[in-house]
């Protein structure tokens, strides 16, 4: 029994040809497979390819993206672009919001399903509750509160998860990302998300930079439910009303509507970078994201501000 294959088949039946779905047990890169399928088959419908293992997955700047087979999520969505259709330059921001919302919703649902006692059995008042009941209620309430802040996003396309440090502060690290490729007549959206793997399986040099949903939540999540939720959200936003309707360069009204959600999830400010510009390497700190343009603003130690349009100008400190 392959749960991801079953989830893919269920989604394919539900979408009934409006979006094609393909599961492969393993492939070097789902994005490369999507591009190959469009080139060979001349597809006119959106195509999503998912896999249980992707040994050659890539992130920004061609960096490798590690996943544990059967534990994490890796898929790519190909959207055919016709009649001069162009994606909005702010599309990566919108995709980050949609992915972050899907993850946050599932974490909240599964934490509530795993409550130490069901909410309807709550005695209702601390005056009538035993010490054990008060403790379990406090644990449940803390989980509910954390679920609203445990997921975050960072410019331009990173998904973050948090766990509390020794001082009780939330420490955010990357657990997933989105890579978009705009080709002639085709937009490819690649998504990788470390779900039920553990950071201890990563290379040692990545331990301080990456995390997994499981490590931050303290429990395994229903990977297939998360995958299905993300796919249906992307379908509903990017395909159902027409390819990129409201998410295109000509009309990005749907992206504008996501600005409040971006503001709530964004943790870009305070991130330290090295800016490569005009032959110089300048230490800078992110101040804010201008949602209207999709650009990041950073400031150097002397207070000079710079507008960053492309991630290629930056390196992590």
Protein backbone atom coordinates (compact mmCIF):
# COMPACT_ATOMS: atom_id res chain seq x y z
CA UNK A 1 0.00 0.00 0.00
CA UNK A 2 1.42 3.37 -1.05
CA UNK A 3 -0.37 6.23 0.68
CA UNK A 4 0.97 8.99 -1.60
CA UNK A 5 0.00 7.01 -4.71
CA UNK A 6 -3.50 6.54 -3.26
CA UNK A 7 -3.77 10.25 -2.42
CA UNK A 8 -2.69 11.16 -5.96
CA UNK A 9 -5.25 8.79 -7.49
CA UNK A 10 -7.98 10.23 -5.26
CA UNK A 11 -7.09 13.78 -6.29
CA UNK A 12 -7.01 12.79 -9.98
CA UNK A 13 -10.52 11.33 -9.71
CA UNK A 14 -11.75 14.40 -7.87
CA UNK A 15 -10.34 16.82 -10.46
CA UNK A 16 -11.58 14.68 -13.36
CA UNK A 17 -9.04 15.76 -15.98
CA UNK A 18 -9.09 19.47 -15.15
CA UNK A 19 -5.56 18.98 -13.87
CA UNK A 20 -3.42 15.94 -14.64
CA UNK A 21 -1.61 14.21 -11.77
CA UNK A 22 1.23 11.72 -11.96
CA UNK A 23 2.95 9.79 -9.15
CA UNK A 24 6.43 8.34 -9.59
CA UNK A 25 8.14 6.29 -6.89
CA UNK A 26 11.44 8.10 -7.45
CA UNK A 27 12.85 10.62 -9.90
CA UNK A 28 15.88 12.92 -9.97
CA UNK A 29 13.69 16.04 -10.15
CA UNK A 30 9.92 16.48 -10.42
CA UNK A 31 10.41 19.84 -12.14
CA UNK A 32 12.58 18.28 -14.84
CA UNK A 33 9.99 15.55 -15.32
CA UNK A 34 7.22 18.14 -15.71
CA UNK A 35 9.21 20.01 -18.35
CA UNK A 36 9.93 16.75 -20.16
CA UNK A 37 6.26 15.74 -20.17
CA UNK A 38 5.17 19.08 -21.64
CA UNK A 39 7.87 18.90 -24.30
CA UNK A 40 7.15 15.29 -25.33
CA UNK A 41 3.36 15.14 -24.96
CA UNK A 42 2.46 18.70 -25.94
CA UNK A 43 0.12 19.03 -22.97
CA UNK A 44 -2.47 21.78 -22.80
CA UNK A 45 -3.70 20.96 -19.27
CA UNK A 46 -1.90 21.68 -16.00
CA UNK A 47 0.24 18.75 -14.83
CA UNK A 48 1.38 17.90 -11.31
CA UNK A 49 4.10 15.33 -10.67
CA UNK A 50 4.83 14.06 -7.15
CA UNK A 51 7.31 11.55 -5.79
CA UNK A 52 8.35 9.71 -2.65
CA UNK A 53 12.06 10.16 -3.39
CA UNK A 54 13.93 12.95 -5.20
CA UNK A 55 17.70 12.50 -4.83
CA UNK A 56 18.58 15.43 -7.08
CA UNK A 57 16.06 18.01 -5.88
CA UNK A 58 17.19 21.60 -6.22
CA UNK A 59 16.42 24.84 -4.43
CA UNK A 60 17.51 28.42 -5.01
CA UNK A 61 20.87 28.96 -6.70
CA UNK A 62 20.88 25.29 -7.69
CA UNK A 63 21.52 24.15 -4.13
CA UNK A 64 20.53 20.59 -3.30
CA UNK A 65 17.33 19.98 -1.35
CA UNK A 66 17.40 16.95 0.94
CA UNK A 67 14.35 14.81 1.65
CA UNK A 68 13.85 11.44 3.30
CA UNK A 69 12.05 8.95 1.03
CA UNK A 70 8.47 8.35 2.06
CA UNK A 71 8.58 11.02 4.77
CA UNK A 72 8.60 14.40 3.03
CA UNK A 73 6.78 16.18 0.20
CA UNK A 74 8.23 16.95 -3.22
CA UNK A 75 6.13 17.86 -6.24
CA UNK A 76 6.06 20.21 -9.20
CA UNK A 77 3.14 21.84 -10.97
CA UNK A 78 3.35 22.83 -14.62
CA UNK A 79 0.97 25.52 -15.88
CA UNK A 80 0.70 26.09 -19.65
CA UNK A 81 0.86 29.77 -20.57
CA UNK A 82 -0.97 30.82 -23.73
CA UNK A 83 -1.86 34.09 -25.46
CA UNK A 84 1.01 36.00 -23.91
CA UNK A 85 0.03 35.12 -20.32
CA UNK A 86 2.78 36.07 -17.86
CA UNK A 87 2.94 35.32 -14.11
CA UNK A 88 2.99 38.23 -11.70
CA UNK A 89 6.47 38.98 -10.31
CA UNK A 90 4.80 38.75 -6.89
CA UNK A 91 3.67 35.18 -7.46
CA UNK A 92 6.39 33.68 -5.17
CA UNK A 93 5.05 35.79 -2.28
CA UNK A 94 1.52 34.54 -2.91
CA UNK A 95 2.66 30.92 -3.17
CA UNK A 96 4.49 31.23 0.15
CA UNK A 97 1.27 32.42 1.80
CA UNK A 98 -0.82 29.60 0.31
CA UNK A 99 1.71 26.97 1.40
CA UNK A 100 2.08 28.46 4.87
CA UNK A 101 -1.69 28.56 5.38
CA UNK A 102 -2.09 24.94 4.31
CA UNK A 103 0.57 23.79 6.75
CA UNK A 104 -0.74 25.92 9.62
CA UNK A 105 -4.27 24.60 9.13
CA UNK A 106 -3.17 20.96 9.19
CA UNK A 107 -0.97 21.44 12.26
CA UNK A 108 -3.90 23.00 14.10
CA UNK A 109 -6.28 20.22 13.03
CA UNK A 110 -3.95 17.41 14.04
CA UNK A 111 -3.00 18.98 17.34
CA UNK A 112 -6.68 19.37 18.19
CA UNK A 113 -7.31 15.76 17.18
CA UNK A 114 -4.50 14.74 19.55
CA UNK A 115 -5.80 16.70 22.53
CA UNK A 116 -5.16 14.94 25.81
CA UNK A 117 -8.94 14.89 26.29
CA UNK A 118 -11.70 15.91 23.93
CA UNK A 119 -12.92 19.48 24.22
CA UNK A 120 -16.50 18.41 24.89
CA UNK A 121 -15.26 16.58 28.01
CA UNK A 122 -13.66 19.77 29.38
CA UNK A 123 -15.15 20.35 32.85
CA UNK A 124 -15.57 24.01 31.91
CA UNK A 125 -14.31 25.83 34.96
CA UNK A 126 -11.08 25.69 36.91
CA UNK A 127 -13.06 25.80 40.13
CA UNK A 128 -14.44 22.30 39.46
CA UNK A 129 -11.34 20.93 37.77
CA UNK A 130 -8.79 18.64 39.36
CA UNK A 131 -5.10 19.48 39.22
CA UNK A 132 -4.65 16.97 36.41
CA UNK A 133 -7.49 18.49 34.42
CA UNK A 134 -6.06 21.98 34.81
CA UNK A 135 -2.64 20.78 33.63
CA UNK A 136 -4.03 19.02 30.58
CA UNK A 137 -6.19 22.04 29.73
CA UNK A 138 -3.13 24.30 29.96
CA UNK A 139 -1.21 21.99 27.61
CA UNK A 140 -4.06 21.98 25.09
CA UNK A 141 -4.42 25.77 25.24
CA UNK A 142 -0.66 26.22 24.77
CA UNK A 143 -0.78 24.01 21.68
CA UNK A 144 -3.70 25.95 20.22
CA UNK A 145 -1.84 29.22 20.79
CA UNK A 146 1.39 27.90 19.27
CA UNK A 147 -0.42 26.58 16.18
CA UNK A 148 -1.25 30.15 15.16
CA UNK A 149 2.40 31.24 15.18
CA UNK A 150 4.43 28.09 14.54
CA UNK A 151 4.36 28.56 10.74
CA UNK A 152 5.92 31.56 9.02
CA UNK A 153 7.37 32.64 5.68
CA UNK A 154 10.44 34.57 4.61
CA UNK A 155 11.22 36.50 1.43
CA UNK A 156 11.33 35.40 -1.31
CA UNK A 157 10.06 31.81 -1.06
CA UNK A 158 10.97 30.10 2.21
CA UNK A 159 8.59 28.30 4.56
CA UNK A 160 9.61 28.38 8.22
CA UNK A 161 8.65 26.39 11.30
CA UNK A 162 9.38 27.32 14.90
CA UNK A 163 10.18 25.62 18.15
CA UNK A 164 10.81 27.28 21.49
CA UNK A 165 14.39 27.77 22.67
CA UNK A 166 15.58 27.52 26.28
CA UNK A 167 14.31 31.06 26.95
CA UNK A 168 10.84 30.31 25.61
CA UNK A 169 11.32 32.36 22.44
CA UNK A 170 10.22 31.00 19.07
CA UNK A 171 13.21 30.06 16.92
CA UNK A 172 12.32 29.88 13.22
CA UNK A 173 14.18 27.72 10.73
CA UNK A 174 13.54 26.73 7.14
CA UNK A 175 11.52 23.56 6.53
CA UNK A 176 10.48 24.06 2.92
CA UNK A 177 10.61 26.24 -0.13
CA UNK A 178 9.20 27.10 -3.53
CA UNK A 179 11.08 27.44 -6.80
CA UNK A 180 9.38 28.94 -9.86
CA UNK A 181 10.73 28.64 -13.41
CA UNK A 182 9.19 30.77 -16.14
CA UNK A 183 9.87 29.17 -19.53
CA UNK A 184 8.41 29.99 -22.96
CA UNK A 185 4.78 28.90 -22.73
CA UNK A 186 5.21 27.17 -19.38
CA UNK A 187 5.41 28.02 -15.68
CA UNK A 188 6.86 25.34 -13.39
CA UNK A 189 6.31 25.58 -9.63
CA UNK A 190 8.46 23.22 -7.56
CA UNK A 191 7.66 22.67 -3.88
CA UNK A 192 9.70 20.81 -1.28
CA UNK A 193 8.65 20.39 2.34
CA UNK A 194 10.35 18.41 5.10
CA UNK A 195 7.38 16.90 6.92
CA UNK A 196 8.02 13.67 8.86
CA UNK A 197 11.79 13.43 8.51
CA UNK A 198 14.05 14.58 11.33
CA UNK A 199 16.75 17.23 11.16
CA UNK A 200 19.24 14.78 12.68
CA UNK A 201 19.26 13.03 9.30
CA UNK A 202 20.52 16.17 7.54
CA UNK A 203 24.17 16.86 6.89
CA UNK A 204 25.83 18.30 10.01
CA UNK A 205 26.36 21.72 8.43
CA UNK A 206 22.58 22.06 7.90
CA UNK A 207 21.50 21.43 11.50
CA UNK A 208 21.52 25.13 12.43
CA UNK A 209 19.65 26.21 9.27
CA UNK A 210 16.95 23.62 8.61
CA UNK A 211 14.20 21.90 10.55
CA UNK A 212 11.22 19.65 9.87
CA UNK A 213 7.53 19.87 10.67
CA UNK A 214 7.81 16.75 12.83
CA UNK A 215 10.66 18.19 14.90
CA UNK A 216 8.73 21.39 15.57
CA UNK A 217 5.34 19.79 16.25
CA UNK A 218 6.60 16.88 18.30
CA UNK A 219 4.48 14.42 16.33
CA UNK A 220 4.15 12.89 12.89
CA UNK A 221 1.67 14.61 10.62
CA UNK A 222 -0.59 13.09 8.01
CA UNK A 223 1.69 13.75 5.04
CA UNK A 224 -0.89 12.75 2.47
CA UNK A 225 -3.55 15.02 3.99
CA UNK A 226 -1.08 17.92 3.85
CA UNK A 227 -0.16 17.10 0.24
CA UNK A 228 -3.83 16.92 -0.76
CA UNK A 229 -4.62 20.18 1.02
CA UNK A 230 -1.79 22.02 -0.72
CA UNK A 231 -2.71 20.63 -4.13
CA UNK A 232 -6.38 21.58 -3.79
CA UNK A 233 -5.47 25.06 -2.59
CA UNK A 234 -3.16 25.59 -5.57
CA UNK A 235 -5.78 24.21 -7.93
CA UNK A 236 -8.48 26.45 -6.48
CA UNK A 237 -6.33 29.58 -6.70
CA UNK A 238 -4.26 29.07 -9.86
CA UNK A 239 -6.35 26.81 -12.11
CA UNK A 240 -10.08 26.64 -11.23
CA UNK A 241 -11.04 30.11 -12.51
CA UNK A 242 -8.54 30.00 -15.39
CA UNK A 243 -4.76 29.63 -15.45
CA UNK A 244 -3.26 32.33 -13.18
CA UNK A 245 -6.53 34.27 -13.09
CA UNK A 246 -5.77 37.06 -10.62
CA UNK A 247 -2.14 35.95 -10.35
CA UNK A 248 -0.82 37.24 -13.69
CA UNK A 249 1.28 40.25 -14.60
CA UNK A 250 -1.79 41.82 -16.23
CA UNK A 251 -4.12 41.11 -13.30
CA UNK A 252 -2.75 40.21 -9.87
CA UNK A 253 -5.84 41.22 -7.91
CA UNK A 254 -5.89 37.86 -6.10
CA UNK A 255 -2.35 38.47 -4.89
CA UNK A 256 -3.28 41.89 -3.52
CA UNK A 257 -5.97 40.23 -1.43
CA UNK A 258 -3.28 38.08 0.22
CA UNK A 259 -1.28 41.03 1.55
CA UNK A 260 -2.78 40.93 5.09
CA UNK A 261 -1.99 37.20 5.27
CA UNK A 262 1.57 37.87 4.10
CA UNK A 263 2.04 40.52 6.78
CA UNK A 264 0.84 38.10 9.44
CA UNK A 265 3.17 35.29 8.36
CA UNK A 266 6.24 37.28 7.26
CA UNK A 267 9.45 36.93 9.30
CA UNK A 268 11.84 38.56 6.79
CA UNK A 269 12.75 41.58 8.94
CA UNK A 270 15.95 41.18 10.91
CA UNK A 271 17.43 38.56 8.59
CA UNK A 272 21.14 39.21 8.03
CA UNK A 273 22.55 38.98 4.51
CA UNK A 274 25.64 39.72 2.47
CA UNK A 275 24.72 41.96 -0.47
CA UNK A 276 26.84 41.60 -3.61
CA UNK A 277 26.59 44.84 -5.58
CA UNK A 278 28.99 46.78 -7.81
CA UNK A 279 31.87 44.48 -6.98
CA UNK A 280 31.42 44.90 -3.23
CA UNK A 281 30.17 42.56 -0.50
CA UNK A 282 28.13 44.54 2.02
CA UNK A 283 26.76 43.16 5.33
CA UNK A 284 23.09 44.18 5.51
CA UNK A 285 19.98 43.50 7.58
CA UNK A 286 16.48 43.12 6.14
CA UNK A 287 14.07 45.86 7.24
CA UNK A 288 10.85 45.03 5.38
CA UNK A 289 9.24 43.66 2.23
CA UNK A 290 7.37 46.03 -0.08
CA UNK A 291 4.42 43.86 -1.04
CA UNK A 292 3.42 46.16 -3.90
CA UNK A 293 6.64 45.43 -5.78
CA UNK A 294 7.62 42.16 -4.13
CA UNK A 295 11.05 43.61 -3.35
CA UNK A 296 13.05 43.29 -0.13
CA UNK A 297 14.59 46.33 1.54
CA UNK A 298 17.82 46.01 3.50
CA UNK A 299 20.05 48.41 5.40
CA UNK A 300 23.80 48.43 5.96
CA UNK A 301 25.64 49.37 9.17
CA UNK A 302 25.87 53.02 8.06
CA UNK A 303 22.10 53.25 7.62
CA UNK A 304 22.13 53.16 3.81
CA UNK A 305 19.08 51.40 2.39
CA UNK A 306 19.04 49.13 -0.65
CA UNK A 307 16.18 47.71 -2.69
CA UNK A 308 16.59 44.03 -3.59
CA UNK A 309 14.70 42.73 -6.58
CA UNK A 310 16.46 39.38 -6.98
CA UNK A 311 17.63 36.84 -4.41
CA UNK A 312 20.72 36.30 -6.57
CA UNK A 313 22.25 39.46 -5.09
CA UNK A 314 22.22 38.03 -1.56
CA UNK A 315 24.08 35.42 0.44
CA UNK A 316 23.27 34.27 3.97
CA UNK A 317 25.64 35.48 6.66
